[in-house]
Amino acid sequence: MTDAKTTDAKALAERIDALETRIAYQDDTLETLNETITAQWKQIDALTRQMEELRERLQEAESNTAAPINERPPHY
């Protein structure tokens, strides 16, 4: 009877160790994913700001551009 209890306790301890290892791996994986996602959002934010600046520069350039060369002058 003692052997059965010892075997059960040993199996339970092994199972607990396996679960703790699994949880630690999952925690590490989640931390890595969070770091990756944070870095990607920072890149997206920087690119979004860069696109907005370029859009503003394009609009400014378009508003400062003279009429197209092949367009007739207004007195024709």
PDB file of N, CA and C in Angstrom:
ATOM      1  N   MET A   1       0.816  -1.196   0.000  1.00  0.00           N
ATOM      2  CA  MET A   1       0.000   0.000   0.000  1.00  0.00           C
ATOM      3  C   MET A   1       0.856   1.254   0.000  1.00  0.00           C
ATOM      4  N   THR A   2       1.933   1.245   0.708  1.00  0.00           N
ATOM      5  CA  THR A   2       2.829   2.382   0.758  1.00  0.00           C
ATOM      6  C   THR A   2       3.438   2.641  -0.613  1.00  0.00           C
ATOM      7  N   ASP A   3       3.729   1.578  -1.344  1.00  0.00           N
ATOM      8  CA  ASP A   3       4.301   1.734  -2.679  1.00  0.00           C
ATOM      9  C   ASP A   3       3.333   2.454  -3.616  1.00  0.00           C
ATOM     10  N   ALA A   4       2.059   2.154  -3.511  1.00  0.00           N
ATOM     11  CA  ALA A   4       1.055   2.801  -4.362  1.00  0.00           C
ATOM     12  C   ALA A   4       0.979   4.292  -4.052  1.00  0.00           C
ATOM     13  N   LYS A   5       1.018   4.648  -2.759  1.00  0.00           N
ATOM     14  CA  LYS A   5       0.969   6.064  -2.374  1.00  0.00           C
ATOM     15  C   LYS A   5       2.231   6.776  -2.833  1.00  0.00           C
ATOM     16  N   THR A   6       3.366   6.123  -2.719  1.00  0.00           N
ATOM     17  CA  THR A   6       4.630   6.706  -3.155  1.00  0.00           C
ATOM     18  C   THR A   6       4.625   6.900  -4.660  1.00  0.00           C
ATOM     19  N   THR A   7       4.134   5.906  -5.369  1.00  0.00           N
ATOM     20  CA  THR A   7       4.057   5.984  -6.832  1.00  0.00           C
ATOM     21  C   THR A   7       3.108   7.098  -7.250  1.00  0.00           C
ATOM     22  N   ASP A   8       1.959   7.196  -6.580  1.00  0.00           N
ATOM     23  CA  ASP A   8       0.995   8.256  -6.893  1.00  0.00           C
ATOM     24  C   ASP A   8       1.579   9.644  -6.599  1.00  0.00           C
ATOM     25  N   ALA A   9       2.271   9.767  -5.459  1.00  0.00           N
ATOM     26  CA  ALA A   9       2.875  11.048  -5.089  1.00  0.00           C
ATOM     27  C   ALA A   9       3.971  11.417  -6.086  1.00  0.00           C
ATOM     28  N   LYS A  10       4.754  10.418  -6.509  1.00  0.00           N
ATOM     29  CA  LYS A  10       5.816  10.666  -7.478  1.00  0.00           C
ATOM     30  C   LYS A  10       5.227  11.092  -8.826  1.00  0.00           C
ATOM     31  N   ALA A  11       4.186  10.396  -9.265  1.00  0.00           N
ATOM     32  CA  ALA A  11       3.539  10.736 -10.536  1.00  0.00           C
ATOM     33  C   ALA A  11       2.932  12.138 -10.465  1.00  0.00           C
ATOM     34  N   LEU A  12       2.328  12.457  -9.322  1.00  0.00           N
ATOM     35  CA  LEU A  12       1.742  13.785  -9.143  1.00  0.00           C
ATOM     36  C   LEU A  12       2.830  14.859  -9.159  1.00  0.00           C
ATOM     37  N   ALA A  13       3.945  14.620  -8.501  1.00  0.00           N
ATOM     38  CA  ALA A  13       5.051  15.577  -8.486  1.00  0.00           C
ATOM     39  C   ALA A  13       5.611  15.778  -9.891  1.00  0.00           C
ATOM     40  N   GLU A  14       5.738  14.687 -10.647  1.00  0.00           N
ATOM     41  CA  GLU A  14       6.221  14.789 -12.035  1.00  0.00           C
ATOM     42  C   GLU A  14       5.254  15.586 -12.888  1.00  0.00           C
ATOM     43  N   ARG A  15       3.974  15.351 -12.668  1.00  0.00           N
ATOM     44  CA  ARG A  15       2.950  16.082 -13.425  1.00  0.00           C
ATOM     45  C   ARG A  15       3.003  17.571 -13.085  1.00  0.00           C
ATOM     46  N   ILE A  16       3.147  17.883 -11.806  1.00  0.00           N
ATOM     47  CA  ILE A  16       3.241  19.278 -11.379  1.00  0.00           C
ATOM     48  C   ILE A  16       4.470  19.936 -11.985  1.00  0.00           C
ATOM     49  N   ASP A  17       5.614  19.231 -11.961  1.00  0.00           N
ATOM     50  CA  ASP A  17       6.841  19.763 -12.570  1.00  0.00           C
ATOM     51  C   ASP A  17       6.637  20.039 -14.056  1.00  0.00           C
ATOM     52  N   ALA A  18       5.982  19.103 -14.740  1.00  0.00           N
ATOM     53  CA  ALA A  18       5.737  19.274 -16.175  1.00  0.00           C
ATOM     54  C   ALA A  18       4.840  20.487 -16.427  1.00  0.00           C
ATOM     55  N   LEU A  19       3.815  20.642 -15.613  1.00  0.00           N
ATOM     56  CA  LEU A  19       2.906  21.785 -15.768  1.00  0.00           C
ATOM     57  C   LEU A  19       3.615  23.102 -15.463  1.00  0.00           C
ATOM     58  N   GLU A  20       4.456  23.116 -14.437  1.00  0.00           N
ATOM     59  CA  GLU A  20       5.195  24.333 -14.116  1.00  0.00           C
ATOM     60  C   GLU A  20       6.146  24.708 -15.249  1.00  0.00           C
ATOM     61  N   THR A  21       6.784  23.718 -15.850  1.00  0.00           N
ATOM     62  CA  THR A  21       7.672  23.960 -16.984  1.00  0.00           C
ATOM     63  C   THR A  21       6.885  24.527 -18.157  1.00  0.00           C
ATOM     64  N   ARG A  22       5.720  23.942 -18.386  1.00  0.00           N
ATOM     65  CA  ARG A  22       4.866  24.402 -19.486  1.00  0.00           C
ATOM     66  C   ARG A  22       4.410  25.841 -19.271  1.00  0.00           C
ATOM     67  N   ILE A  23       4.021  26.162 -18.047  1.00  0.00           N
ATOM     68  CA  ILE A  23       3.582  27.523 -17.728  1.00  0.00           C
ATOM     69  C   ILE A  23       4.733  28.508 -17.903  1.00  0.00           C
ATOM     70  N   ALA A  24       5.926  28.132 -17.454  1.00  0.00           N
ATOM     71  CA  ALA A  24       7.092  29.010 -17.608  1.00  0.00           C
ATOM     72  C   ALA A  24       7.375  29.255 -19.089  1.00  0.00           C
ATOM     73  N   TYR A  25       7.275  28.208 -19.920  1.00  0.00           N
ATOM     74  CA  TYR A  25       7.490  28.360 -21.363  1.00  0.00           C
ATOM     75  C   TYR A  25       6.441  29.292 -21.965  1.00  0.00           C
ATOM     76  N   GLN A  26       5.192  29.103 -21.562  1.00  0.00           N
ATOM     77  CA  GLN A  26       4.119  29.946 -22.084  1.00  0.00           C
ATOM     78  C   GLN A  26       4.310  31.398 -21.660  1.00  0.00           C
ATOM     79  N   ASP A  27       4.747  31.609 -20.422  1.00  0.00           N
ATOM     80  CA  ASP A  27       5.013  32.969 -19.949  1.00  0.00           C
ATOM     81  C   ASP A  27       6.113  33.619 -20.785  1.00  0.00           C
ATOM     82  N   ASP A  28       7.187  32.869 -21.048  1.00  0.00           N
ATOM     83  CA  ASP A  28       8.284  33.391 -21.870  1.00  0.00           C
ATOM     84  C   ASP A  28       7.795  33.707 -23.281  1.00  0.00           C
ATOM     85  N   THR A  29       6.972  32.819 -23.832  1.00  0.00           N
ATOM     86  CA  THR A  29       6.446  33.016 -25.178  1.00  0.00           C
ATOM     87  C   THR A  29       5.558  34.259 -25.235  1.00  0.00           C
ATOM     88  N   LEU A  30       4.698  34.425 -24.244  1.00  0.00           N
ATOM     89  CA  LEU A  30       3.829  35.601 -24.199  1.00  0.00           C
ATOM     90  C   LEU A  30       4.638  36.893 -24.064  1.00  0.00           C
ATOM     91  N   GLU A  31       5.679  36.850 -23.255  1.00  0.00           N
ATOM     92  CA  GLU A  31       6.525  38.037 -23.093  1.00  0.00           C
ATOM     93  C   GLU A  31       7.204  38.389 -24.416  1.00  0.00           C
ATOM     94  N   THR A  32       7.700  37.380 -25.112  1.00  0.00           N
ATOM     95  CA  THR A  32       8.337  37.607 -26.411  1.00  0.00           C
ATOM     96  C   THR A  32       7.339  38.175 -27.410  1.00  0.00           C
ATOM     97  N   LEU A  33       6.137  37.598 -27.444  1.00  0.00           N
ATOM     98  CA  LEU A  33       5.101  38.093 -28.353  1.00  0.00           C
ATOM     99  C   LEU A  33       4.715  39.537 -28.026  1.00  0.00           C
ATOM    100  N   ASN A  34       4.593  39.844 -26.758  1.00  0.00           N
ATOM    101  CA  ASN A  34       4.256  41.221 -26.364  1.00  0.00           C
ATOM    102  C   ASN A  34       5.341  42.193 -26.794  1.00  0.00           C
ATOM    103  N   GLU A  35       6.601  41.804 -26.631  1.00  0.00           N
ATOM    104  CA  GLU A  35       7.704  42.671 -27.062  1.00  0.00           C
ATOM    105  C   GLU A  35       7.673  42.870 -28.578  1.00  0.00           C
ATOM    106  N   THR A  36       7.403  41.788 -29.303  1.00  0.00           N
ATOM    107  CA  THR A  36       7.340  41.862 -30.764  1.00  0.00           C
ATOM    108  C   THR A  36       6.195  42.757 -31.211  1.00  0.00           C
ATOM    109  N   ILE A  37       5.040  42.581 -30.613  1.00  0.00           N
ATOM    110  CA  ILE A  37       3.867  43.382 -30.977  1.00  0.00           C
ATOM    111  C   ILE A  37       4.105  44.853 -30.644  1.00  0.00           C
ATOM    112  N   THR A  38       4.698  45.126 -29.496  1.00  0.00           N
ATOM    113  CA  THR A  38       4.993  46.509 -29.121  1.00  0.00           C
ATOM    114  C   THR A  38       5.941  47.150 -30.127  1.00  0.00           C
ATOM    115  N   ALA A  39       6.976  46.420 -30.515  1.00  0.00           N
ATOM    116  CA  ALA A  39       7.934  46.945 -31.502  1.00  0.00           C
ATOM    117  C   ALA A  39       7.241  47.195 -32.841  1.00  0.00           C
ATOM    118  N   GLN A  40       6.357  46.287 -33.240  1.00  0.00           N
ATOM    119  CA  GLN A  40       5.653  46.459 -34.516  1.00  0.00           C
ATOM    120  C   GLN A  40       4.723  47.659 -34.467  1.00  0.00           C
ATOM    121  N   TRP A  41       4.030  47.879 -33.352  1.00  0.00           N
ATOM    122  CA  TRP A  41       3.147  49.039 -33.236  1.00  0.00           C
ATOM    123  C   TRP A  41       3.941  50.333 -33.292  1.00  0.00           C
ATOM    124  N   LYS A  42       5.142  50.322 -32.690  1.00  0.00           N
ATOM    125  CA  LYS A  42       5.994  51.510 -32.764  1.00  0.00           C
ATOM    126  C   LYS A  42       6.394  51.784 -34.209  1.00  0.00           C
ATOM    127  N   GLN A  43       6.713  50.724 -34.961  1.00  0.00           N
ATOM    128  CA  GLN A  43       7.063  50.896 -36.372  1.00  0.00           C
ATOM    129  C   GLN A  43       5.864  51.405 -37.165  1.00  0.00           C
ATOM    130  N   ILE A  44       4.708  50.839 -36.915  1.00  0.00           N
ATOM    131  CA  ILE A  44       3.486  51.278 -37.608  1.00  0.00           C
ATOM    132  C   ILE A  44       3.213  52.740 -37.307  1.00  0.00           C
ATOM    133  N   ASP A  45       3.351  53.130 -36.047  1.00  0.00           N
ATOM    134  CA  ASP A  45       3.114  54.517 -35.655  1.00  0.00           C
ATOM    135  C   ASP A  45       4.097  55.456 -36.362  1.00  0.00           C
ATOM    136  N   ALA A  46       5.371  55.074 -36.388  1.00  0.00           N
ATOM    137  CA  ALA A  46       6.382  55.907 -37.054  1.00  0.00           C
ATOM    138  C   ALA A  46       6.087  56.015 -38.544  1.00  0.00           C
ATOM    139  N   LEU A  47       5.724  54.919 -39.179  1.00  0.00           N
ATOM    140  CA  LEU A  47       5.413  54.941 -40.609  1.00  0.00           C
ATOM    141  C   LEU A  47       4.151  55.749 -40.891  1.00  0.00           C
ATOM    142  N   THR A  48       3.177  55.664 -40.014  1.00  0.00           N
ATOM    143  CA  THR A  48       1.943  56.435 -40.178  1.00  0.00           C
ATOM    144  C   THR A  48       2.248  57.929 -40.116  1.00  0.00           C
ATOM    145  N   ARG A  49       3.089  58.320 -39.147  1.00  0.00           N
ATOM    146  CA  ARG A  49       3.467  59.733 -39.047  1.00  0.00           C
ATOM    147  C   ARG A  49       4.263  60.162 -40.277  1.00  0.00           C
ATOM    148  N   GLN A  50       5.144  59.295 -40.753  1.00  0.00           N
ATOM    149  CA  GLN A  50       5.941  59.621 -41.944  1.00  0.00           C
ATOM    150  C   GLN A  50       5.038  59.777 -43.163  1.00  0.00           C
ATOM    151  N   MET A  51       4.042  58.901 -43.309  1.00  0.00           N
ATOM    152  CA  MET A  51       3.103  59.008 -44.434  1.00  0.00           C
ATOM    153  C   MET A  51       2.321  60.313 -44.363  1.00  0.00           C
ATOM    154  N   GLU A  52       1.911  60.703 -43.176  1.00  0.00           N
ATOM    155  CA  GLU A  52       1.158  61.953 -43.018  1.00  0.00           C
ATOM    156  C   GLU A  52       2.022  63.148 -43.408  1.00  0.00           C
ATOM    157  N   GLU A  53       3.284  63.130 -42.985  1.00  0.00           N
ATOM    158  CA  GLU A  53       4.189  64.215 -43.369  1.00  0.00           C
ATOM    159  C   GLU A  53       4.368  64.267 -44.884  1.00  0.00           C
ATOM    160  N   LEU A  54       4.531  63.115 -45.509  1.00  0.00           N
ATOM    161  CA  LEU A  54       4.688  63.067 -46.961  1.00  0.00           C
ATOM    162  C   LEU A  54       3.416  63.526 -47.669  1.00  0.00           C
ATOM    163  N   ARG A  55       2.276  63.160 -47.124  1.00  0.00           N
ATOM    164  CA  ARG A  55       0.998  63.591 -47.702  1.00  0.00           C
ATOM    165  C   ARG A  55       0.889  65.108 -47.650  1.00  0.00           C
ATOM    166  N   GLU A  56       1.272  65.687 -46.522  1.00  0.00           N
ATOM    167  CA  GLU A  56       1.228  67.149 -46.382  1.00  0.00           C
ATOM    168  C   GLU A  56       2.200  67.813 -47.358  1.00  0.00           C
ATOM    169  N   ARG A  57       3.396  67.271 -47.498  1.00  0.00           N
ATOM    170  CA  ARG A  57       4.372  67.833 -48.432  1.00  0.00           C
ATOM    171  C   ARG A  57       3.875  67.727 -49.864  1.00  0.00           C
ATOM    172  N   LEU A  58       3.232  66.612 -50.198  1.00  0.00           N
ATOM    173  CA  LEU A  58       2.690  66.441 -51.545  1.00  0.00           C
ATOM    174  C   LEU A  58       1.593  67.458 -51.812  1.00  0.00           C
ATOM    175  N   GLN A  59       0.692  67.648 -50.864  1.00  0.00           N
ATOM    176  CA  GLN A  59      -0.375  68.625 -51.036  1.00  0.00           C
ATOM    177  C   GLN A  59       0.199  70.036 -51.189  1.00  0.00           C
ATOM    178  N   GLU A  60       1.223  70.331 -50.401  1.00  0.00           N
ATOM    179  CA  GLU A  60       1.862  71.644 -50.502  1.00  0.00           C
ATOM    180  C   GLU A  60       2.522  71.822 -51.862  1.00  0.00           C
ATOM    181  N   ALA A  61       3.206  70.793 -52.327  1.00  0.00           N
ATOM    182  CA  ALA A  61       3.863  70.863 -53.635  1.00  0.00           C
ATOM    183  C   ALA A  61       2.836  71.009 -54.744  1.00  0.00           C
ATOM    184  N   GLU A  62       1.728  70.292 -54.646  1.00  0.00           N
ATOM    185  CA  GLU A  62       0.682  70.382 -55.665  1.00  0.00           C
ATOM    186  C   GLU A  62       0.048  71.763 -55.677  1.00  0.00           C
ATOM    187  N   SER A  63      -0.108  72.375 -54.529  1.00  0.00           N
ATOM    188  CA  SER A  63      -0.724  73.704 -54.484  1.00  0.00           C
ATOM    189  C   SER A  63       0.232  74.785 -54.992  1.00  0.00           C
ATOM    190  N   ASN A  64       1.524  74.522 -54.937  1.00  0.00           N
ATOM    191  CA  ASN A  64       2.516  75.497 -55.415  1.00  0.00           C
ATOM    192  C   ASN A  64       2.914  75.262 -56.869  1.00  0.00           C
ATOM    193  N   THR A  65       2.360  74.256 -57.494  1.00  0.00           N
ATOM    194  CA  THR A  65       2.715  73.919 -58.868  1.00  0.00           C
ATOM    195  C   THR A  65       1.949  74.813 -59.838  1.00  0.00           C
ATOM    196  N   ALA A  66       2.635  75.273 -60.866  1.00  0.00           N
ATOM    197  CA  ALA A  66       1.991  76.085 -61.905  1.00  0.00           C
ATOM    198  C   ALA A  66       1.081  75.195 -62.735  1.00  0.00           C
ATOM    199  N   ALA A  67       0.289  75.823 -63.559  1.00  0.00           N
ATOM    200  CA  ALA A  67      -0.617  75.076 -64.440  1.00  0.00           C
ATOM    201  C   ALA A  67       0.208  74.194 -65.375  1.00  0.00           C
ATOM    202  N   PRO A  68      -0.351  73.097 -65.823  1.00  0.00           N
ATOM    203  CA  PRO A  68       0.369  72.214 -66.739  1.00  0.00           C
ATOM    204  C   PRO A  68       0.800  72.952 -68.006  1.00  0.00           C
ATOM    205  N   ILE A  69       1.928  72.574 -68.562  1.00  0.00           N
ATOM    206  CA  ILE A  69       2.508  73.238 -69.736  1.00  0.00           C
ATOM    207  C   ILE A  69       1.603  73.126 -70.961  1.00  0.00           C
ATOM    208  N   ASN A  70       0.954  72.019 -71.183  1.00  0.00           N
ATOM    209  CA  ASN A  70       0.139  71.818 -72.396  1.00  0.00           C
ATOM    210  C   ASN A  70      -1.268  72.416 -72.268  1.00  0.00           C
ATOM    211  N   GLU A  71      -1.539  73.109 -71.193  1.00  0.00           N
ATOM    212  CA  GLU A  71      -2.842  73.741 -71.012  1.00  0.00           C
ATOM    213  C   GLU A  71      -2.798  75.125 -71.649  1.00  0.00           C
ATOM    214  N   ARG A  72      -3.877  75.507 -72.340  1.00  0.00           N
ATOM    215  CA  ARG A  72      -3.946  76.812 -72.992  1.00  0.00           C
ATOM    216  C   ARG A  72      -4.013  77.925 -71.964  1.00  0.00           C
ATOM    217  N   PRO A  73      -3.364  79.024 -72.245  1.00  0.00           N
ATOM    218  CA  PRO A  73      -3.462  80.172 -71.337  1.00  0.00           C
ATOM    219  C   PRO A  73      -4.909  80.666 -71.297  1.00  0.00           C
ATOM    220  N   PRO A  74      -5.306  81.346 -70.260  1.00  0.00           N
ATOM    221  CA  PRO A  74      -6.717  81.767 -70.121  1.00  0.00           C
ATOM    222  C   PRO A  74      -7.202  82.716 -71.201  1.00  0.00           C
ATOM    223  N   HIS A  75      -6.347  83.442 -71.929  1.00  0.00           N
ATOM    224  CA  HIS A  75      -6.825  84.407 -72.924  1.00  0.00           C
ATOM    225  C   HIS A  75      -7.160  83.756 -74.262  1.00  0.00           C
ATOM    226  N   TYR A  76      -6.992  82.456 -74.434  1.00  0.00           N
ATOM    227  CA  TYR A  76      -7.354  81.799 -75.706  1.00  0.00           C
ATOM    228  C   TYR A  76      -8.771  81.378 -75.720  1.00  0.00           C
TER     229      TYR A  76
END
